[in-house]
All heavy atoms as atom14 arrays in JSON, in Angstrom:
{
  "sequence": "DVRNVFDTQVAAGFLGLGNQEGYESLVRKVLRVRLKGSEGFTRWDRRP",
  "atom14_mask": [
    [1, 1, 1, 1, 1, 1, 1, 1, 0, 0, 0, 0, 0, 0],
    [1, 1, 1, 1, 1, 1, 1, 0, 0, 0, 0, 0, 0, 0],
    [1, 1, 1, 1, 1, 1, 1, 1, 1, 1, 1, 0, 0, 0],
    [1, 1, 1, 1, 1, 1, 1, 1, 0, 0, 0, 0, 0, 0],
    [1, 1, 1, 1, 1, 1, 1, 0, 0, 0, 0, 0, 0, 0],
    [1, 1, 1, 1, 1, 1, 1, 1, 1, 1, 1, 0, 0, 0],
    [1, 1, 1, 1, 1, 1, 1, 1, 0, 0, 0, 0, 0, 0],
    [1, 1, 1, 1, 1, 1, 1, 0, 0, 0, 0, 0, 0, 0],
    [1, 1, 1, 1, 1, 1, 1, 1, 1, 0, 0, 0, 0, 0],
    [1, 1, 1, 1, 1, 1, 1, 0, 0, 0, 0, 0, 0, 0],
    [1, 1, 1, 1, 1, 0, 0, 0, 0, 0, 0, 0, 0, 0],
    [1, 1, 1, 1, 1, 0, 0, 0, 0, 0, 0, 0, 0, 0],
    [1, 1, 1, 1, 0, 0, 0, 0, 0, 0, 0, 0, 0, 0],
    [1, 1, 1, 1, 1, 1, 1, 1, 1, 1, 1, 0, 0, 0],
    [1, 1, 1, 1, 1, 1, 1, 1, 0, 0, 0, 0, 0, 0],
    [1, 1, 1, 1, 0, 0, 0, 0, 0, 0, 0, 0, 0, 0],
    [1, 1, 1, 1, 1, 1, 1, 1, 0, 0, 0, 0, 0, 0],
    [1, 1, 1, 1, 0, 0, 0, 0, 0, 0, 0, 0, 0, 0],
    [1, 1, 1, 1, 1, 1, 1, 1, 0, 0, 0, 0, 0, 0],
    [1, 1, 1, 1, 1, 1, 1, 1, 1, 0, 0, 0, 0, 0],
    [1, 1, 1, 1, 1, 1, 1, 1, 1, 0, 0, 0, 0, 0],
    [1, 1, 1, 1, 0, 0, 0, 0, 0, 0, 0, 0, 0, 0],
    [1, 1, 1, 1, 1, 1, 1, 1, 1, 1, 1, 1, 0, 0],
    [1, 1, 1, 1, 1, 1, 1, 1, 1, 0, 0, 0, 0, 0],
    [1, 1, 1, 1, 1, 1, 0, 0, 0, 0, 0, 0, 0, 0],
    [1, 1, 1, 1, 1, 1, 1, 1, 0, 0, 0, 0, 0, 0],
    [1, 1, 1, 1, 1, 1, 1, 0, 0, 0, 0, 0, 0, 0],
    [1, 1, 1, 1, 1, 1, 1, 1, 1, 1, 1, 0, 0, 0],
    [1, 1, 1, 1, 1, 1, 1, 1, 1, 0, 0, 0, 0, 0],
    [1, 1, 1, 1, 1, 1, 1, 0, 0, 0, 0, 0, 0, 0],
    [1, 1, 1, 1, 1, 1, 1, 1, 0, 0, 0, 0, 0, 0],
    [1, 1, 1, 1, 1, 1, 1, 1, 1, 1, 1, 0, 0, 0],
    [1, 1, 1, 1, 1, 1, 1, 0, 0, 0, 0, 0, 0, 0],
    [1, 1, 1, 1, 1, 1, 1, 1, 1, 1, 1, 0, 0, 0],
    [1, 1, 1, 1, 1, 1, 1, 1, 0, 0, 0, 0, 0, 0],
    [1, 1, 1, 1, 1, 1, 1, 1, 1, 0, 0, 0, 0, 0],
    [1, 1, 1, 1, 0, 0, 0, 0, 0, 0, 0, 0, 0, 0],
    [1, 1, 1, 1, 1, 1, 0, 0, 0, 0, 0, 0, 0, 0],
    [1, 1, 1, 1, 1, 1, 1, 1, 1, 0, 0, 0, 0, 0],
    [1, 1, 1, 1, 0, 0, 0, 0, 0, 0, 0, 0, 0, 0],
    [1, 1, 1, 1, 1, 1, 1, 1, 1, 1, 1, 0, 0, 0],
    [1, 1, 1, 1, 1, 1, 1, 0, 0, 0, 0, 0, 0, 0],
    [1, 1, 1, 1, 1, 1, 1, 1, 1, 1, 1, 0, 0, 0],
    [1, 1, 1, 1, 1, 1, 1, 1, 1, 1, 1, 1, 1, 1],
    [1, 1, 1, 1, 1, 1, 1, 1, 0, 0, 0, 0, 0, 0],
    [1, 1, 1, 1, 1, 1, 1, 1, 1, 1, 1, 0, 0, 0],
    [1, 1, 1, 1, 1, 1, 1, 1, 1, 1, 1, 0, 0, 0],
    [1, 1, 1, 1, 1, 1, 1, 0, 0, 0, 0, 0, 0, 0]
  ],
  "atom14_positions": [
    [[-24.15, 4.71, 20.35], [-24.76, 4.1, 19.2], [-23.85, 4.26, 17.99], [-23.01, 5.16, 17.98], [-26.13, 4.74, 18.92], [-27.17, 4.37, 19.95], [-27.13, 3.21, 20.47], [-28.04, 5.22, 20.24], [0.0, 0.0, 0.0], [0.0, 0.0, 0.0], [0.0, 0.0, 0.0], [0.0, 0.0, 0.0], [0.0, 0.0, 0.0], [0.0, 0.0, 0.0]],
    [[-24.03, 3.42, 17.0], [-23.31, 3.59, 15.73], [-24.37, 3.61, 14.61], [-25.0, 2.62, 14.37], [-22.28, 2.45, 15.49], [-21.49, 2.74, 14.22], [-21.32, 2.36, 16.68], [0.0, 0.0, 0.0], [0.0, 0.0, 0.0], [0.0, 0.0, 0.0], [0.0, 0.0, 0.0], [0.0, 0.0, 0.0], [0.0, 0.0, 0.0], [0.0, 0.0, 0.0]],
    [[-24.5, 4.75, 14.0], [-25.55, 4.95, 12.99], [-24.99, 5.16, 11.55], [-23.77, 5.43, 11.43], [-26.43, 6.17, 13.36], [-27.15, 6.04, 14.68], [-28.05, 4.85, 14.72], [-28.81, 4.73, 15.95], [-29.24, 3.56, 16.45], [-28.99, 2.45, 15.82], [-29.91, 3.53, 17.58], [0.0, 0.0, 0.0], [0.0, 0.0, 0.0], [0.0, 0.0, 0.0]],
    [[-25.83, 5.0, 10.61], [-25.5, 5.24, 9.21], [-24.24, 4.46, 8.8], [-23.3, 4.98, 8.21], [-25.28, 6.76, 8.96], [-25.29, 7.12, 7.5], [-25.61, 6.31, 6.61], [-24.93, 8.38, 7.19], [0.0, 0.0, 0.0], [0.0, 0.0, 0.0], [0.0, 0.0, 0.0], [0.0, 0.0, 0.0], [0.0, 0.0, 0.0], [0.0, 0.0, 0.0]],
    [[-24.28, 3.14, 9.07], [-23.16, 2.27, 8.78], [-23.17, 1.9, 7.29], [-24.17, 1.6, 6.68], [-23.22, 0.97, 9.63], [-22.13, -0.02, 9.21], [-23.08, 1.32, 11.11], [0.0, 0.0, 0.0], [0.0, 0.0, 0.0], [0.0, 0.0, 0.0], [0.0, 0.0, 0.0], [0.0, 0.0, 0.0], [0.0, 0.0, 0.0], [0.0, 0.0, 0.0]],
    [[-21.96, 1.95, 6.69], [-21.75, 1.49, 5.33], [-20.66, 0.45, 5.36], [-19.46, 0.76, 5.61], [-21.33, 2.63, 4.38], [-21.19, 2.21, 2.98], [-22.27, 2.12, 2.1], [-19.94, 1.84, 2.46], [-22.14, 1.74, 0.77], [-19.75, 1.45, 1.15], [-20.87, 1.4, 0.28], [0.0, 0.0, 0.0], [0.0, 0.0, 0.0], [0.0, 0.0, 0.0]],
    [[-21.04, -0.83, 5.2], [-20.1, -1.93, 5.33], [-19.61, -2.31, 3.95], [-20.43, -2.74, 3.09], [-20.77, -3.14, 6.02], [-19.79, -4.23, 6.43], [-18.94, -4.6, 5.57], [-19.86, -4.67, 7.58], [0.0, 0.0, 0.0], [0.0, 0.0, 0.0], [0.0, 0.0, 0.0], [0.0, 0.0, 0.0], [0.0, 0.0, 0.0], [0.0, 0.0, 0.0]],
    [[-18.31, -2.25, 3.73], [-17.79, -2.5, 2.38], [-17.91, -3.95, 2.01], [-18.0, -4.3, 0.8], [-16.29, -2.08, 2.29], [-15.55, -2.71, 3.32], [-16.21, -0.56, 2.46], [0.0, 0.0, 0.0], [0.0, 0.0, 0.0], [0.0, 0.0, 0.0], [0.0, 0.0, 0.0], [0.0, 0.0, 0.0], [0.0, 0.0, 0.0], [0.0, 0.0, 0.0]],
    [[-17.95, -4.89, 2.98], [-18.16, -6.3, 2.67], [-19.58, -6.52, 2.17], [-19.81, -7.25, 1.17], [-17.86, -7.19, 3.84], [-17.86, -8.67, 3.48], [-17.52, -9.52, 4.71], [-18.33, -9.67, 5.64], [-16.35, -10.1, 4.69], [0.0, 0.0, 0.0], [0.0, 0.0, 0.0], [0.0, 0.0, 0.0], [0.0, 0.0, 0.0], [0.0, 0.0, 0.0]],
    [[-20.52, -5.9, 2.8], [-21.93, -5.94, 2.33], [-22.07, -5.35, 0.98], [-22.69, -5.93, 0.08], [-22.87, -5.25, 3.33], [-24.29, -5.1, 2.76], [-22.87, -5.94, 4.68], [0.0, 0.0, 0.0], [0.0, 0.0, 0.0], [0.0, 0.0, 0.0], [0.0, 0.0, 0.0], [0.0, 0.0, 0.0], [0.0, 0.0, 0.0], [0.0, 0.0, 0.0]],
    [[-21.42, -4.16, 0.79], [-21.48, -3.51, -0.54], [-20.9, -4.36, -1.66], [-21.45, -4.48, -2.76], [-20.74, -2.15, -0.48], [0.0, 0.0, 0.0], [0.0, 0.0, 0.0], [0.0, 0.0, 0.0], [0.0, 0.0, 0.0], [0.0, 0.0, 0.0], [0.0, 0.0, 0.0], [0.0, 0.0, 0.0], [0.0, 0.0, 0.0], [0.0, 0.0, 0.0]],
    [[-19.8, -5.04, -1.32], [-19.13, -5.9, -2.29], [-20.07, -7.02, -2.73], [-20.13, -7.44, -3.9], [-17.87, -6.52, -1.76], [0.0, 0.0, 0.0], [0.0, 0.0, 0.0], [0.0, 0.0, 0.0], [0.0, 0.0, 0.0], [0.0, 0.0, 0.0], [0.0, 0.0, 0.0], [0.0, 0.0, 0.0], [0.0, 0.0, 0.0], [0.0, 0.0, 0.0]],
    [[-20.89, -7.57, -1.79], [-21.82, -8.61, -2.16], [-22.88, -8.13, -3.16], [-23.2, -8.89, -4.09], [0.0, 0.0, 0.0], [0.0, 0.0, 0.0], [0.0, 0.0, 0.0], [0.0, 0.0, 0.0], [0.0, 0.0, 0.0], [0.0, 0.0, 0.0], [0.0, 0.0, 0.0], [0.0, 0.0, 0.0], [0.0, 0.0, 0.0], [0.0, 0.0, 0.0]],
    [[-23.35, -6.92, -3.01], [-24.36, -6.39, -3.96], [-23.75, -6.07, -5.3], [-24.49, -5.83, -6.25], [-25.03, -5.19, -3.33], [-26.11, -5.52, -2.34], [-25.84, -5.46, -0.99], [-27.34, -5.92, -2.72], [-26.81, -5.8, -0.06], [-28.34, -6.25, -1.84], [-28.08, -6.19, -0.5], [0.0, 0.0, 0.0], [0.0, 0.0, 0.0], [0.0, 0.0, 0.0]],
    [[-22.43, -6.03, -5.37], [-21.76, -5.75, -6.68], [-21.22, -7.02, -7.3], [-20.53, -6.99, -8.33], [-20.64, -4.76, -6.43], [-21.06, -3.35, -6.08], [-19.86, -2.54, -5.62], [-21.72, -2.67, -7.28], [0.0, 0.0, 0.0], [0.0, 0.0, 0.0], [0.0, 0.0, 0.0], [0.0, 0.0, 0.0], [0.0, 0.0, 0.0], [0.0, 0.0, 0.0]],
    [[-21.52, -8.17, -6.71], [-21.04, -9.44, -7.27], [-19.61, -9.72, -7.05], [-18.99, -10.53, -7.75], [0.0, 0.0, 0.0], [0.0, 0.0, 0.0], [0.0, 0.0, 0.0], [0.0, 0.0, 0.0], [0.0, 0.0, 0.0], [0.0, 0.0, 0.0], [0.0, 0.0, 0.0], [0.0, 0.0, 0.0], [0.0, 0.0, 0.0], [0.0, 0.0, 0.0]],
    [[-19.02, -9.07, -6.02], [-17.59, -9.32, -5.71], [-17.36, -10.35, -4.62], [-16.24, -10.54, -4.21], [-16.93, -7.97, -5.27], [-16.9, -6.87, -6.36], [-16.47, -5.53, -5.78], [-15.98, -7.27, -7.45], [0.0, 0.0, 0.0], [0.0, 0.0, 0.0], [0.0, 0.0, 0.0], [0.0, 0.0, 0.0], [0.0, 0.0, 0.0], [0.0, 0.0, 0.0]],
    [[-18.44, -11.01, -4.23], [-18.29, -12.02, -3.18], [-19.0, -11.57, -1.91], [-18.84, -10.42, -1.48], [0.0, 0.0, 0.0], [0.0, 0.0, 0.0], [0.0, 0.0, 0.0], [0.0, 0.0, 0.0], [0.0, 0.0, 0.0], [0.0, 0.0, 0.0], [0.0, 0.0, 0.0], [0.0, 0.0, 0.0], [0.0, 0.0, 0.0], [0.0, 0.0, 0.0]],
    [[-19.77, -12.46, -1.27], [-20.51, -12.09, -0.08], [-19.63, -12.02, 1.2], [-20.01, -11.35, 2.11], [-21.64, -13.11, 0.16], [-22.74, -13.01, -0.91], [-23.0, -11.97, -1.43], [-23.37, -14.14, -1.22], [0.0, 0.0, 0.0], [0.0, 0.0, 0.0], [0.0, 0.0, 0.0], [0.0, 0.0, 0.0], [0.0, 0.0, 0.0], [0.0, 0.0, 0.0]],
    [[-18.51, -12.73, 1.18], [-17.63, -12.78, 2.34], [-16.22, -12.32, 1.98], [-15.25, -12.88, 2.48], [-17.63, -14.19, 2.95], [-18.98, -14.68, 3.44], [-19.51, -13.87, 4.63], [-18.75, -13.48, 5.48], [-20.81, -13.61, 4.65], [0.0, 0.0, 0.0], [0.0, 0.0, 0.0], [0.0, 0.0, 0.0], [0.0, 0.0, 0.0], [0.0, 0.0, 0.0]],
    [[-16.13, -11.38, 1.08], [-14.79, -10.98, 0.55], [-13.97, -10.34, 1.66], [-14.41, -9.46, 2.4], [-14.99, -9.99, -0.55], [-13.74, -9.78, -1.38], [-13.36, -10.97, -2.28], [-14.24, -11.84, -2.45], [-12.26, -11.01, -2.74], [0.0, 0.0, 0.0], [0.0, 0.0, 0.0], [0.0, 0.0, 0.0], [0.0, 0.0, 0.0], [0.0, 0.0, 0.0]],
    [[-12.74, -10.81, 1.79], [-11.81, -10.28, 2.78], [-11.33, -8.87, 2.42], [-11.35, -8.48, 1.24], [0.0, 0.0, 0.0], [0.0, 0.0, 0.0], [0.0, 0.0, 0.0], [0.0, 0.0, 0.0], [0.0, 0.0, 0.0], [0.0, 0.0, 0.0], [0.0, 0.0, 0.0], [0.0, 0.0, 0.0], [0.0, 0.0, 0.0], [0.0, 0.0, 0.0]],
    [[-10.85, -8.13, 3.39], [-10.44, -6.74, 3.16], [-9.27, -6.64, 2.18], [-9.32, -5.82, 1.24], [-10.14, -6.11, 4.48], [-9.74, -4.65, 4.37], [-10.69, -3.66, 4.0], [-8.45, -4.21, 4.63], [-10.35, -2.35, 3.88], [-8.1, -2.86, 4.52], [-9.02, -1.94, 4.13], [-8.73, -0.63, 4.02], [0.0, 0.0, 0.0], [0.0, 0.0, 0.0]],
    [[-8.26, -7.4, 2.44], [-7.06, -7.33, 1.59], [-7.4, -7.65, 0.14], [-6.96, -6.95, -0.79], [-5.97, -8.28, 2.09], [-4.68, -8.19, 1.37], [-3.61, -9.09, 1.99], [-3.82, -9.59, 3.08], [-2.55, -9.29, 1.33], [0.0, 0.0, 0.0], [0.0, 0.0, 0.0], [0.0, 0.0, 0.0], [0.0, 0.0, 0.0], [0.0, 0.0, 0.0]],
    [[-8.19, -8.67, -0.09], [-8.6, -9.07, -1.43], [-9.47, -8.0, -2.08], [-9.26, -7.7, -3.27], [-9.36, -10.41, -1.37], [-9.93, -10.73, -2.62], [0.0, 0.0, 0.0], [0.0, 0.0, 0.0], [0.0, 0.0, 0.0], [0.0, 0.0, 0.0], [0.0, 0.0, 0.0], [0.0, 0.0, 0.0], [0.0, 0.0, 0.0], [0.0, 0.0, 0.0]],
    [[-10.35, -7.4, -1.34], [-11.25, -6.36, -1.86], [-10.46, -5.11, -2.26], [-10.73, -4.52, -3.33], [-12.33, -6.05, -0.86], [-13.58, -5.34, -1.39], [-14.25, -6.12, -2.48], [-14.57, -5.12, -0.24], [0.0, 0.0, 0.0], [0.0, 0.0, 0.0], [0.0, 0.0, 0.0], [0.0, 0.0, 0.0], [0.0, 0.0, 0.0], [0.0, 0.0, 0.0]],
    [[-9.53, -4.73, -1.41], [-8.72, -3.55, -1.73], [-7.92, -3.77, -3.03], [-7.78, -2.89, -3.86], [-7.72, -3.27, -0.57], [-6.64, -2.27, -0.99], [-8.52, -2.68, 0.62], [0.0, 0.0, 0.0], [0.0, 0.0, 0.0], [0.0, 0.0, 0.0], [0.0, 0.0, 0.0], [0.0, 0.0, 0.0], [0.0, 0.0, 0.0], [0.0, 0.0, 0.0]],
    [[-7.42, -5.04, -3.19], [-6.64, -5.36, -4.41], [-7.53, -5.3, -5.65], [-7.15, -4.78, -6.7], [-6.01, -6.73, -4.25], [-5.08, -7.1, -5.39], [-4.33, -8.39, -5.12], [-5.23, -9.53, -5.07], [-5.55, -10.19, -3.98], [-5.06, -9.78, -2.79], [-6.33, -11.22, -4.0], [0.0, 0.0, 0.0], [0.0, 0.0, 0.0], [0.0, 0.0, 0.0]],
    [[-8.73, -5.85, -5.54], [-9.64, -5.91, -6.68], [-10.19, -4.54, -7.07], [-10.31, -4.23, -8.23], [-10.85, -6.83, -6.38], [-10.51, -8.29, -6.32], [-11.76, -9.11, -6.01], [-11.51, -10.6, -6.01], [-12.7, -11.38, -5.65], [0.0, 0.0, 0.0], [0.0, 0.0, 0.0], [0.0, 0.0, 0.0], [0.0, 0.0, 0.0], [0.0, 0.0, 0.0]],
    [[-10.54, -3.75, -6.08], [-11.25, -2.49, -6.31], [-10.33, -1.32, -6.49], [-10.46, -0.5, -7.37], [-12.27, -2.22, -5.22], [-12.96, -0.85, -5.41], [-13.33, -3.34, -5.15], [0.0, 0.0, 0.0], [0.0, 0.0, 0.0], [0.0, 0.0, 0.0], [0.0, 0.0, 0.0], [0.0, 0.0, 0.0], [0.0, 0.0, 0.0], [0.0, 0.0, 0.0]],
    [[-9.31, -1.19, -5.6], [-8.4, -0.08, -5.64], [-7.1, -0.34, -6.32], [-6.27, 0.55, -6.52], [-8.11, 0.39, -4.18], [-9.32, 0.84, -3.35], [-8.84, 1.24, -1.96], [-10.08, 1.96, -4.04], [0.0, 0.0, 0.0], [0.0, 0.0, 0.0], [0.0, 0.0, 0.0], [0.0, 0.0, 0.0], [0.0, 0.0, 0.0], [0.0, 0.0, 0.0]],
    [[-6.84, -1.63, -6.69], [-5.61, -2.03, -7.33], [-4.41, -1.73, -6.47], [-3.34, -1.33, -6.93], [-5.42, -1.34, -8.7], [-6.61, -1.48, -9.67], [-6.86, -2.9, -10.02], [-7.96, -3.06, -10.96], [-8.56, -4.19, -11.3], [-8.1, -5.33, -10.78], [-9.56, -4.24, -12.08], [0.0, 0.0, 0.0], [0.0, 0.0, 0.0], [0.0, 0.0, 0.0]],
    [[-4.59, -1.95, -5.16], [-3.52, -1.7, -4.2], [-3.24, -3.0, -3.46], [-4.19, -3.68, -3.01], [-3.87, -0.61, -3.22], [-2.84, -0.48, -2.11], [-4.07, 0.74, -3.9], [0.0, 0.0, 0.0], [0.0, 0.0, 0.0], [0.0, 0.0, 0.0], [0.0, 0.0, 0.0], [0.0, 0.0, 0.0], [0.0, 0.0, 0.0], [0.0, 0.0, 0.0]],
    [[-1.98, -3.36, -3.37], [-1.59, -4.5, -2.59], [-1.13, -4.07, -1.2], [-0.15, -3.29, -1.08], [-0.47, -5.32, -3.26], [-0.9, -6.11, -4.47], [0.17, -7.02, -5.0], [-0.32, -7.87, -6.08], [-0.91, -9.02, -5.89], [-1.1, -9.48, -4.66], [-1.35, -9.75, -6.92], [0.0, 0.0, 0.0], [0.0, 0.0, 0.0], [0.0, 0.0, 0.0]],
    [[-1.79, -4.57, -0.16], [-1.45, -4.23, 1.17], [-0.15, -4.88, 1.57], [0.18, -5.98, 1.09], [-2.53, -4.62, 2.17], [-3.83, -3.85, 2.08], [-4.91, -4.52, 2.93], [-3.66, -2.43, 2.5], [0.0, 0.0, 0.0], [0.0, 0.0, 0.0], [0.0, 0.0, 0.0], [0.0, 0.0, 0.0], [0.0, 0.0, 0.0], [0.0, 0.0, 0.0]],
    [[0.63, -4.23, 2.42], [1.89, -4.78, 2.89], [1.61, -5.91, 3.86], [0.48, -6.17, 4.24], [2.75, -3.7, 3.51], [3.17, -2.6, 2.51], [3.95, -1.52, 3.19], [4.31, -0.39, 2.19], [5.04, 0.7, 2.81], [0.0, 0.0, 0.0], [0.0, 0.0, 0.0], [0.0, 0.0, 0.0], [0.0, 0.0, 0.0], [0.0, 0.0, 0.0]],
    [[2.67, -6.56, 4.36], [2.55, -7.71, 5.22], [1.55, -7.51, 6.33], [1.49, -6.45, 6.96], [0.0, 0.0, 0.0], [0.0, 0.0, 0.0], [0.0, 0.0, 0.0], [0.0, 0.0, 0.0], [0.0, 0.0, 0.0], [0.0, 0.0, 0.0], [0.0, 0.0, 0.0], [0.0, 0.0, 0.0], [0.0, 0.0, 0.0], [0.0, 0.0, 0.0]],
    [[0.77, -8.52, 6.59], [-0.3, -8.47, 7.59], [0.24, -8.55, 9.0], [1.07, -9.39, 9.3], [-1.33, -9.56, 7.33], [-2.3, -9.58, 8.31], [0.0, 0.0, 0.0], [0.0, 0.0, 0.0], [0.0, 0.0, 0.0], [0.0, 0.0, 0.0], [0.0, 0.0, 0.0], [0.0, 0.0, 0.0], [0.0, 0.0, 0.0], [0.0, 0.0, 0.0]],
    [[-0.32, -7.67, 9.85], [0.01, -7.75, 11.27], [-1.27, -8.07, 12.06], [-1.3, -7.91, 13.29], [0.53, -6.39, 11.76], [1.82, -5.96, 11.1], [3.01, -6.75, 11.59], [3.05, -7.09, 12.82], [3.91, -7.07, 10.81], [0.0, 0.0, 0.0], [0.0, 0.0, 0.0], [0.0, 0.0, 0.0], [0.0, 0.0, 0.0], [0.0, 0.0, 0.0]],
    [[-2.3, -8.52, 11.35], [-3.61, -8.64, 11.96], [-3.67, -9.59, 13.17], [-4.5, -9.38, 14.05], [0.0, 0.0, 0.0], [0.0, 0.0, 0.0], [0.0, 0.0, 0.0], [0.0, 0.0, 0.0], [0.0, 0.0, 0.0], [0.0, 0.0, 0.0], [0.0, 0.0, 0.0], [0.0, 0.0, 0.0], [0.0, 0.0, 0.0], [0.0, 0.0, 0.0]],
    [[-2.81, -10.6, 13.2], [-2.91, -11.56, 14.32], [-1.74, -11.42, 15.3], [-1.42, -12.36, 16.0], [-2.91, -12.99, 13.73], [-4.19, -13.29, 13.01], [-4.3, -13.16, 11.64], [-5.36, -13.65, 13.72], [-5.5, -13.44, 10.96], [-6.56, -13.88, 13.09], [-6.62, -13.79, 11.71], [0.0, 0.0, 0.0], [0.0, 0.0, 0.0], [0.0, 0.0, 0.0]],
    [[-1.23, -10.22, 15.39], [-0.18, -9.96, 16.38], [-0.88, -9.62, 17.71], [-2.1, -9.43, 17.8], [0.74, -8.83, 15.98], [-0.03, -7.64, 15.72], [1.49, -9.17, 14.72], [0.0, 0.0, 0.0], [0.0, 0.0, 0.0], [0.0, 0.0, 0.0], [0.0, 0.0, 0.0], [0.0, 0.0, 0.0], [0.0, 0.0, 0.0], [0.0, 0.0, 0.0]],
    [[-0.09, -9.46, 18.76], [-0.62, -9.15, 20.12], [-0.89, -7.68, 20.21], [0.01, -6.89, 20.6], [0.38, -9.66, 21.18], [0.41, -11.15, 21.34], [-0.89, -11.67, 21.89], [-1.26, -11.12, 23.19], [-0.88, -11.59, 24.38], [-0.1, -12.67, 24.44], [-1.21, -10.99, 25.49], [0.0, 0.0, 0.0], [0.0, 0.0, 0.0], [0.0, 0.0, 0.0]],
    [[-2.09, -7.25, 19.9], [-2.46, -5.86, 19.93], [-2.55, -5.28, 21.38], [-2.6, -4.1, 21.55], [-3.74, -5.61, 19.19], [-3.64, -5.86, 17.76], [-4.12, -6.95, 17.04], [-2.98, -5.03, 16.77], [-3.79, -6.84, 15.73], [-3.11, -5.68, 15.52], [-2.35, -3.8, 16.83], [-2.61, -5.11, 14.33], [-1.82, -3.26, 15.68], [-1.93, -3.9, 14.46]],
    [[-2.63, -6.18, 22.34], [-2.74, -5.71, 23.74], [-1.41, -5.45, 24.41], [-1.32, -5.05, 25.55], [-3.57, -6.71, 24.58], [-3.02, -8.13, 24.53], [-2.24, -8.46, 23.61], [-3.35, -8.95, 25.39], [0.0, 0.0, 0.0], [0.0, 0.0, 0.0], [0.0, 0.0, 0.0], [0.0, 0.0, 0.0], [0.0, 0.0, 0.0], [0.0, 0.0, 0.0]],
    [[-0.32, -5.76, 23.7], [1.02, -5.52, 24.28], [1.54, -4.13, 23.86], [1.3, -3.67, 22.78], [2.01, -6.6, 23.78], [1.77, -7.94, 24.43], [2.84, -8.93, 24.04], [2.65, -10.22, 24.73], [3.38, -11.32, 24.45], [4.31, -11.27, 23.51], [3.16, -12.42, 25.11], [0.0, 0.0, 0.0], [0.0, 0.0, 0.0], [0.0, 0.0, 0.0]],
    [[2.27, -3.51, 24.8], [2.85, -2.23, 24.53], [4.36, -2.27, 24.84], [4.73, -2.97, 25.73], [2.17, -1.12, 25.39], [0.69, -0.91, 25.08], [0.51, -0.4, 23.66], [-0.89, -0.15, 23.32], [-1.73, -1.02, 22.84], [-1.33, -2.26, 22.61], [-2.99, -0.71, 22.53], [0.0, 0.0, 0.0], [0.0, 0.0, 0.0], [0.0, 0.0, 0.0]],
    [[5.22, -1.61, 24.09], [4.88, -0.69, 22.99], [4.52, -1.45, 21.7], [4.98, -2.58, 21.52], [6.15, 0.14, 22.82], [7.26, -0.82, 23.21], [6.7, -1.61, 24.36], [0.0, 0.0, 0.0], [0.0, 0.0, 0.0], [0.0, 0.0, 0.0], [0.0, 0.0, 0.0], [0.0, 0.0, 0.0], [0.0, 0.0, 0.0], [0.0, 0.0, 0.0]]
  ]
}
C-alpha cells in the first residue's frame, strides 16, 4: 500500500499555481531552480 500521499501537483492547484502544473515548471516557480536537460523520455529499460 502507499499511504499518507502528498502530491505536489495537487498542492499547487490549491495554491493557484495551476491544476496540471508540470514538475520542471513548478520547481522553477517555487524553488527558483532551473532543472538541467531532461532525460525523461530516454530508454530507462536499457542498461547501462
